[in-house]
Amino acid sequence: MNEADLIGTIERLLPAAPPDVLAGIGDDAAVVRIGDRLVLLSTDMLVEGVDFDRSTITARDLGYRAIAVNLSDIAAMGGSPRYCLVALGMPRDPDPAWFVELVSGMVEAAREHAVAIVGGDLSRAETVVLSVTATGESVPGGVVLRSGAKPGDRLVVTGRLGAAAGGLRLLAAGPREAARARSAGWGRDLLDAQCRPAARVAEGQVLARAGATAMIDVSDGLARDLGRVCAASAVGAIVRLDRLPLAPGLQDLLRLTGDDPLDLALHGGEDLELLATLPAAAVEPAAATLAERFGTPLTDIGEMRADPDARIVATSQDGAERPLAPAGWDHFGT
């Protein structure tokens, strides 16, 4: 069973959600109504040996990343994060200095987004397991789900793609190569995208106010996450490969490791950029706002189209079309 199979099994076994649950399993965050407010709930887990390697990431960066990936889920709903709960499993006799740095990294990430860490749990475990639950609220413009994309909507993405996956490949090349790449300049952004990813919280709120019809964060690769939007919205998509905003350092990485920049952008994941669908008239004003306020580029990479089978087609610069399989990171994939 892959990750999608397991999630589907959970959905079938759970009873019907009560009426105050507006969105449950199947989006970046759950949406529940509490009184007259819409509250967003999300949780994410980082497991040593699966999601990170302690030999290649500092404790401070790990703590920062754990908070950022959760706030990114709130960002993908166009929401405003408020609080975090942290559950941490560690081997017996943890290094006090490592633990202090881990918590300091969490505090740093939370402070950047005015989020409070309000509690959690500690336990002994064979490896480090770090689970964060984030809560947030909707903002004017409303909650943006994955299921609202319409034929004719433009497909846009924030920032650059492939950087986090490139950083992971650079770390795998060894500490000496990673240090050289960082000192040369081209590896700095790749390594930071992997170890200290940016949660596009403010950008998500701008896109929600601009009329985004659907949104998701690129955590499992653009192709896979776009496939989730298409399936939830019952539409297809056409992606212009020549328009994908590739991270600049990927060309240098190609010369070092042979990793294809386009493949990393489509299937690498962990970028935490926002992939959204917008009415055509809203793209230019939204792009101008993001550039002016945050220096964040917004790139139009394609269009949503009517297709009940939710197929994705990629086009190259010469106009040739080919199917794009929604492949990417899967915790239980082979």
Protein backbone atom coordinates (compact mmCIF):
# COMPACT_ATOMS: atom_id res chain seq x y z
CA MET A 1 0.00 0.00 0.00
CA ASN A 2 1.30 3.43 -0.90
CA GLU A 3 0.55 6.63 0.98
CA ALA A 4 -2.60 7.37 -1.05
CA ASP A 5 -3.91 3.84 -0.37
CA LEU A 6 -3.38 4.23 3.35
CA ILE A 7 -5.10 7.61 3.44
CA GLY A 8 -8.01 6.19 1.45
CA THR A 9 -8.36 3.35 3.95
CA ILE A 10 -8.46 5.81 6.84
CA GLU A 11 -11.13 7.86 5.07
CA ARG A 12 -13.32 4.79 4.54
CA LEU A 13 -13.03 3.72 8.19
CA LEU A 14 -13.79 7.09 9.72
CA PRO A 15 -17.42 7.98 10.40
CA ALA A 16 -19.01 10.89 8.57
CA ALA A 17 -17.66 14.23 9.74
CA PRO A 18 -19.98 16.42 11.86
CA PRO A 19 -21.47 19.51 10.18
CA ASP A 20 -18.97 21.88 11.78
CA VAL A 21 -16.13 20.23 9.78
CA LEU A 22 -15.97 22.09 6.47
CA ALA A 23 -12.91 20.23 5.17
CA GLY A 24 -11.34 17.09 6.61
CA ILE A 25 -8.91 14.56 5.16
CA GLY A 26 -7.69 15.42 1.69
CA ASP A 27 -6.40 18.98 1.98
CA ASP A 28 -3.34 20.69 3.45
CA ALA A 29 -5.27 21.47 6.64
CA ALA A 30 -8.63 20.63 8.13
CA VAL A 31 -11.18 23.45 8.37
CA VAL A 32 -13.60 23.48 11.31
CA ARG A 33 -16.13 26.05 12.43
CA ILE A 34 -15.89 27.11 16.07
CA GLY A 35 -18.55 29.68 16.84
CA ASP A 36 -18.32 32.29 14.12
CA ARG A 37 -14.69 31.53 13.26
CA LEU A 38 -13.07 29.16 10.77
CA VAL A 39 -10.14 27.37 12.39
CA LEU A 40 -7.41 25.55 10.44
CA LEU A 41 -5.74 22.43 11.87
CA SER A 42 -2.67 20.70 10.47
CA THR A 43 -0.05 18.24 11.68
CA ASP A 44 3.21 17.01 10.20
CA MET A 45 5.85 14.56 11.38
CA LEU A 46 9.60 14.39 10.74
CA VAL A 47 11.19 10.99 11.37
CA GLU A 48 14.93 10.43 11.58
CA GLY A 49 16.15 8.21 8.77
CA VAL A 50 13.08 8.96 6.66
CA ASP A 51 12.66 12.74 6.61
CA PHE A 52 16.07 13.85 7.84
CA ASP A 53 19.55 12.66 8.75
CA ARG A 54 21.10 14.13 11.89
CA SER A 55 24.54 13.93 10.26
CA THR A 56 23.52 16.42 7.56
CA ILE A 57 21.27 18.90 9.40
CA THR A 58 21.95 20.89 12.54
CA ALA A 59 19.57 20.66 15.48
CA ARG A 60 18.66 24.33 15.06
CA ASP A 61 17.83 23.87 11.38
CA LEU A 62 15.79 20.75 12.16
CA GLY A 63 13.70 22.65 14.70
CA TYR A 64 13.20 25.52 12.26
CA ARG A 65 12.19 23.13 9.48
CA ALA A 66 9.70 21.26 11.68
CA ILE A 67 7.77 24.46 12.35
CA ALA A 68 8.07 25.76 8.77
CA VAL A 69 6.59 22.67 7.10
CA ASN A 70 3.53 22.91 9.32
CA LEU A 71 3.03 26.63 8.81
CA SER A 72 3.29 25.96 5.08
CA ASP A 73 0.13 23.84 5.31
CA ILE A 74 -1.71 26.79 6.87
CA ALA A 75 -0.26 29.05 4.15
CA ALA A 76 -1.62 26.72 1.46
CA MET A 77 -5.13 27.37 2.78
CA GLY A 78 -4.59 31.13 2.64
CA GLY A 79 -4.74 31.21 6.43
CA SER A 80 -3.01 32.96 9.31
CA PRO A 81 -1.15 30.60 11.70
CA ARG A 82 -1.60 31.13 15.43
CA TYR A 83 -0.37 28.29 17.67
CA CYS A 84 1.78 25.15 17.56
CA LEU A 85 1.96 22.02 19.70
CA VAL A 86 5.16 19.95 19.56
CA ALA A 87 5.53 16.22 20.28
CA LEU A 88 9.11 14.97 20.44
CA GLY A 89 10.48 11.45 20.75
CA MET A 90 14.22 11.06 21.45
CA PRO A 91 16.67 8.30 22.38
CA ARG A 92 17.63 7.92 26.04
CA ASP A 93 20.05 10.51 27.46
CA PRO A 94 19.74 13.19 24.77
CA ASP A 95 22.60 15.66 24.37
CA PRO A 96 21.48 18.80 26.28
CA ALA A 97 23.21 21.16 23.83
CA TRP A 98 21.53 19.46 20.85
CA PHE A 99 18.14 19.69 22.55
CA VAL A 100 18.57 23.40 23.33
CA GLU A 101 19.50 24.11 19.72
CA LEU A 102 16.50 22.13 18.46
CA VAL A 103 14.06 24.12 20.58
CA SER A 104 15.82 27.38 19.68
CA GLY A 105 15.26 26.62 15.99
CA MET A 106 11.56 26.07 16.62
CA VAL A 107 11.31 29.34 18.53
CA GLU A 108 13.07 31.19 15.73
CA ALA A 109 10.68 29.92 13.05
CA ALA A 110 7.63 30.55 15.21
CA ARG A 111 8.75 34.08 16.06
CA GLU A 112 9.16 34.96 12.37
CA HIS A 113 5.44 34.32 11.84
CA ALA A 114 4.16 35.58 15.23
CA VAL A 115 3.18 32.03 16.21
CA ALA A 116 3.15 30.80 19.81
CA ILE A 117 4.35 27.32 20.81
CA VAL A 118 1.89 26.48 23.57
CA GLY A 119 2.59 22.87 24.61
CA GLY A 120 3.21 19.32 23.45
CA ASP A 121 4.63 16.03 24.68
CA LEU A 122 7.97 14.25 25.23
CA SER A 123 8.75 10.54 25.05
CA ARG A 124 11.66 8.17 24.61
CA ALA A 125 12.06 6.69 21.13
CA GLU A 126 14.58 4.65 19.16
CA THR A 127 15.19 7.58 16.79
CA VAL A 128 14.27 11.25 16.81
CA VAL A 129 10.61 11.78 15.91
CA LEU A 130 9.36 15.34 15.75
CA SER A 131 5.64 16.01 15.26
CA VAL A 132 4.13 19.49 15.14
CA THR A 133 0.46 20.45 15.10
CA ALA A 134 -0.36 23.94 13.87
CA THR A 135 -3.59 25.88 14.17
CA GLY A 136 -4.62 28.96 12.27
CA GLU A 137 -7.54 31.12 11.20
CA SER A 138 -9.04 32.15 7.90
CA VAL A 139 -8.39 35.68 6.66
CA PRO A 140 -10.50 37.97 4.46
CA GLY A 141 -10.72 36.24 1.11
CA GLY A 142 -11.74 32.95 2.71
CA VAL A 143 -10.17 29.51 3.01
CA VAL A 144 -8.70 28.16 -0.22
CA LEU A 145 -9.16 24.41 -0.78
CA ARG A 146 -7.64 22.10 -3.37
CA SER A 147 -11.05 21.46 -4.87
CA GLY A 148 -11.98 24.82 -6.40
CA ALA A 149 -9.93 24.94 -9.61
CA LYS A 150 -11.95 25.59 -12.77
CA PRO A 151 -11.25 25.11 -16.48
CA GLY A 152 -9.61 28.26 -17.80
CA ASP A 153 -7.92 29.17 -14.51
CA ARG A 154 -4.25 29.99 -14.80
CA LEU A 155 -1.77 27.78 -12.94
CA VAL A 156 0.81 29.78 -10.97
CA VAL A 157 3.64 29.03 -8.57
CA THR A 158 5.59 31.19 -6.14
CA GLY A 159 9.37 31.36 -5.94
CA ARG A 160 11.71 28.83 -7.55
CA LEU A 161 11.37 25.08 -7.93
CA GLY A 162 13.77 22.22 -7.27
CA ALA A 163 15.93 24.02 -4.72
CA ALA A 164 15.11 21.79 -1.73
CA ALA A 165 15.59 18.58 -3.70
CA GLY A 166 18.81 20.03 -5.07
CA GLY A 167 19.98 20.76 -1.54
CA LEU A 168 19.26 17.16 -0.56
CA ARG A 169 21.31 15.87 -3.52
CA LEU A 170 24.11 18.22 -2.56
CA LEU A 171 24.13 16.94 1.00
CA ALA A 172 24.22 13.38 -0.34
CA ALA A 173 27.34 14.30 -2.34
CA GLY A 174 29.17 14.67 0.97
CA PRO A 175 30.13 17.40 3.44
CA ARG A 176 33.17 18.48 1.47
CA GLU A 177 31.23 19.04 -1.76
CA ALA A 178 28.40 20.76 0.11
CA ALA A 179 30.86 23.12 1.82
CA ARG A 180 32.52 23.93 -1.51
CA ALA A 181 29.19 24.63 -3.17
CA ARG A 182 28.12 26.89 -0.30
CA SER A 183 31.38 28.84 -0.36
CA ALA A 184 31.11 29.19 -4.16
CA GLY A 185 27.69 30.77 -3.66
CA TRP A 186 25.54 28.57 -5.91
CA GLY A 187 24.93 25.94 -3.23
CA ARG A 188 23.77 28.34 -0.51
CA ASP A 189 20.18 28.68 -1.67
CA LEU A 190 19.86 24.96 -2.35
CA LEU A 191 21.08 24.00 1.12
CA ASP A 192 18.96 26.65 2.83
CA ALA A 193 15.86 25.50 0.92
CA GLN A 194 16.42 21.98 2.23
CA CYS A 195 17.38 22.79 5.82
CA ARG A 196 15.57 26.08 6.47
CA PRO A 197 12.62 26.22 4.04
CA ALA A 198 10.51 29.36 3.83
CA ALA A 199 6.80 29.04 4.62
CA ARG A 200 4.95 31.36 2.21
CA VAL A 201 2.39 32.47 4.79
CA ALA A 202 1.99 36.09 3.73
CA GLU A 203 2.07 35.13 0.06
CA GLY A 204 -0.74 32.62 0.62
CA GLN A 205 -2.92 35.32 2.13
CA VAL A 206 -2.28 37.61 -0.85
CA LEU A 207 -3.24 34.83 -3.27
CA ALA A 208 -6.41 34.10 -1.28
CA ARG A 209 -7.42 37.77 -1.42
CA ALA A 210 -6.60 37.82 -5.14
CA GLY A 211 -9.23 35.16 -5.74
CA ALA A 212 -7.24 31.92 -5.79
CA THR A 213 -9.65 29.10 -6.58
CA ALA A 214 -7.36 26.29 -5.38
CA MET A 215 -3.98 26.08 -3.66
CA ILE A 216 -1.48 23.54 -2.32
CA ASP A 217 2.10 23.72 -1.09
CA VAL A 218 4.72 21.93 -3.16
CA SER A 219 5.88 19.43 -0.54
CA ASP A 220 5.87 16.20 -2.59
CA GLY A 221 6.87 17.56 -5.99
CA LEU A 222 5.01 19.82 -8.41
CA ALA A 223 3.72 16.93 -10.54
CA ARG A 224 2.30 14.98 -7.59
CA ASP A 225 0.82 18.01 -5.84
CA LEU A 226 -0.72 19.31 -9.07
CA GLY A 227 -2.23 15.86 -9.53
CA ARG A 228 -3.90 16.25 -6.13
CA VAL A 229 -5.42 19.58 -7.14
CA CYS A 230 -6.65 18.11 -10.43
CA ALA A 231 -8.19 15.09 -8.71
CA ALA A 232 -9.87 17.17 -6.00
CA SER A 233 -11.24 19.67 -8.56
CA ALA A 234 -12.11 17.09 -11.28
CA VAL A 235 -10.16 19.04 -13.90
CA GLY A 236 -7.03 18.52 -15.94
CA ALA A 237 -4.01 20.75 -16.42
CA ILE A 238 -1.52 21.73 -19.07
CA VAL A 239 1.96 22.68 -17.82
CA ARG A 240 4.47 24.68 -19.86
CA LEU A 241 7.80 23.10 -18.99
CA ASP A 242 9.74 26.02 -20.47
CA ARG A 243 8.05 28.37 -18.00
CA LEU A 244 8.95 26.47 -14.83
CA PRO A 245 11.00 28.78 -12.56
CA LEU A 246 14.00 26.57 -11.84
CA ALA A 247 16.30 27.36 -8.91
CA PRO A 248 19.50 28.94 -10.35
CA GLY A 249 21.93 26.62 -8.57
CA LEU A 250 20.50 23.52 -10.24
CA GLN A 251 22.66 23.99 -13.35
CA ASP A 252 25.80 23.89 -11.20
CA LEU A 253 24.42 20.85 -9.39
CA LEU A 254 23.90 19.15 -12.75
CA ARG A 255 27.60 19.48 -13.49
CA LEU A 256 28.48 18.07 -10.07
CA THR A 257 26.02 15.20 -9.62
CA GLY A 258 24.25 14.77 -12.97
CA ASP A 259 20.80 15.46 -11.46
CA ASP A 260 18.40 16.88 -14.05
CA PRO A 261 17.06 20.29 -12.92
CA LEU A 262 13.67 19.72 -14.58
CA ASP A 263 13.24 16.37 -12.86
CA LEU A 264 14.07 17.91 -9.48
CA ALA A 265 11.55 20.70 -10.08
CA LEU A 266 8.77 18.33 -11.12
CA HIS A 267 9.33 15.45 -8.73
CA GLY A 268 11.78 16.48 -6.00
CA GLY A 269 9.43 18.09 -3.47
CA GLU A 270 10.00 19.93 -0.18
CA ASP A 271 10.16 23.35 -1.85
CA LEU A 272 7.15 24.60 0.17
CA GLU A 273 6.33 26.98 -2.67
CA LEU A 274 2.63 27.61 -3.27
CA LEU A 275 0.95 26.17 -6.36
CA ALA A 276 -2.32 27.98 -7.03
CA THR A 277 -5.01 28.47 -9.64
CA LEU A 278 -6.24 31.98 -10.38
CA PRO A 279 -8.66 33.63 -12.80
CA ALA A 280 -6.58 34.96 -15.69
CA ALA A 281 -7.30 38.61 -14.87
CA ALA A 282 -5.99 38.17 -11.31
CA VAL A 283 -2.52 36.86 -12.18
CA GLU A 284 -0.78 40.11 -13.08
CA PRO A 285 -2.05 42.11 -10.06
CA ALA A 286 -1.19 39.23 -7.69
CA ALA A 287 2.31 38.93 -9.18
CA ALA A 288 2.86 42.68 -8.81
CA THR A 289 1.76 42.60 -5.16
CA LEU A 290 4.02 39.66 -4.27
CA ALA A 291 7.01 41.25 -5.98
CA GLU A 292 6.46 44.63 -4.34
CA ARG A 293 5.73 43.44 -0.81
CA PHE A 294 7.98 40.38 -0.46
CA GLY A 295 10.24 40.19 -3.51
CA THR A 296 8.63 36.82 -4.27
CA PRO A 297 8.13 36.00 -7.95
CA LEU A 298 4.84 34.51 -9.15
CA THR A 299 5.10 32.56 -12.41
CA ASP A 300 2.29 31.55 -14.74
CA ILE A 301 3.17 27.98 -15.75
CA GLY A 302 0.00 26.75 -17.43
CA GLU A 303 -3.75 26.41 -17.46
CA MET A 304 -6.47 24.23 -15.99
CA ARG A 305 -8.78 22.56 -18.49
CA ALA A 306 -11.88 20.44 -18.51
CA ASP A 307 -10.96 16.78 -18.04
CA PRO A 308 -12.99 14.46 -15.79
CA ASP A 309 -10.03 12.08 -15.63
CA ALA A 310 -7.84 14.83 -14.10
CA ARG A 311 -5.00 14.25 -16.54
CA ILE A 312 -1.92 16.48 -16.68
CA VAL A 313 -0.25 17.30 -19.98
CA ALA A 314 3.20 18.87 -20.24
CA THR A 315 4.28 20.93 -23.22
CA SER A 316 7.84 21.75 -24.21
CA GLN A 317 9.01 24.88 -26.00
CA ASP A 318 8.30 23.39 -29.43
CA GLY A 319 4.67 22.78 -28.45
CA ALA A 320 4.92 18.98 -28.27
CA GLU A 321 2.61 17.49 -25.64
CA ARG A 322 3.21 14.47 -23.42
CA PRO A 323 1.41 13.05 -20.40
CA LEU A 324 2.90 14.08 -17.07
CA ALA A 325 2.50 11.39 -14.45
CA PRO A 326 1.68 12.77 -10.97
CA ALA A 327 4.79 11.17 -9.46
CA GLY A 328 6.80 12.50 -6.53
CA TRP A 329 7.68 11.76 -2.91
CA ASP A 330 5.71 8.99 -1.20
CA HIS A 331 6.55 7.89 2.36
CA PHE A 332 5.51 4.33 1.53
CA GLY A 333 6.51 4.26 -2.15
CA THR A 334 9.30 2.19 -3.61
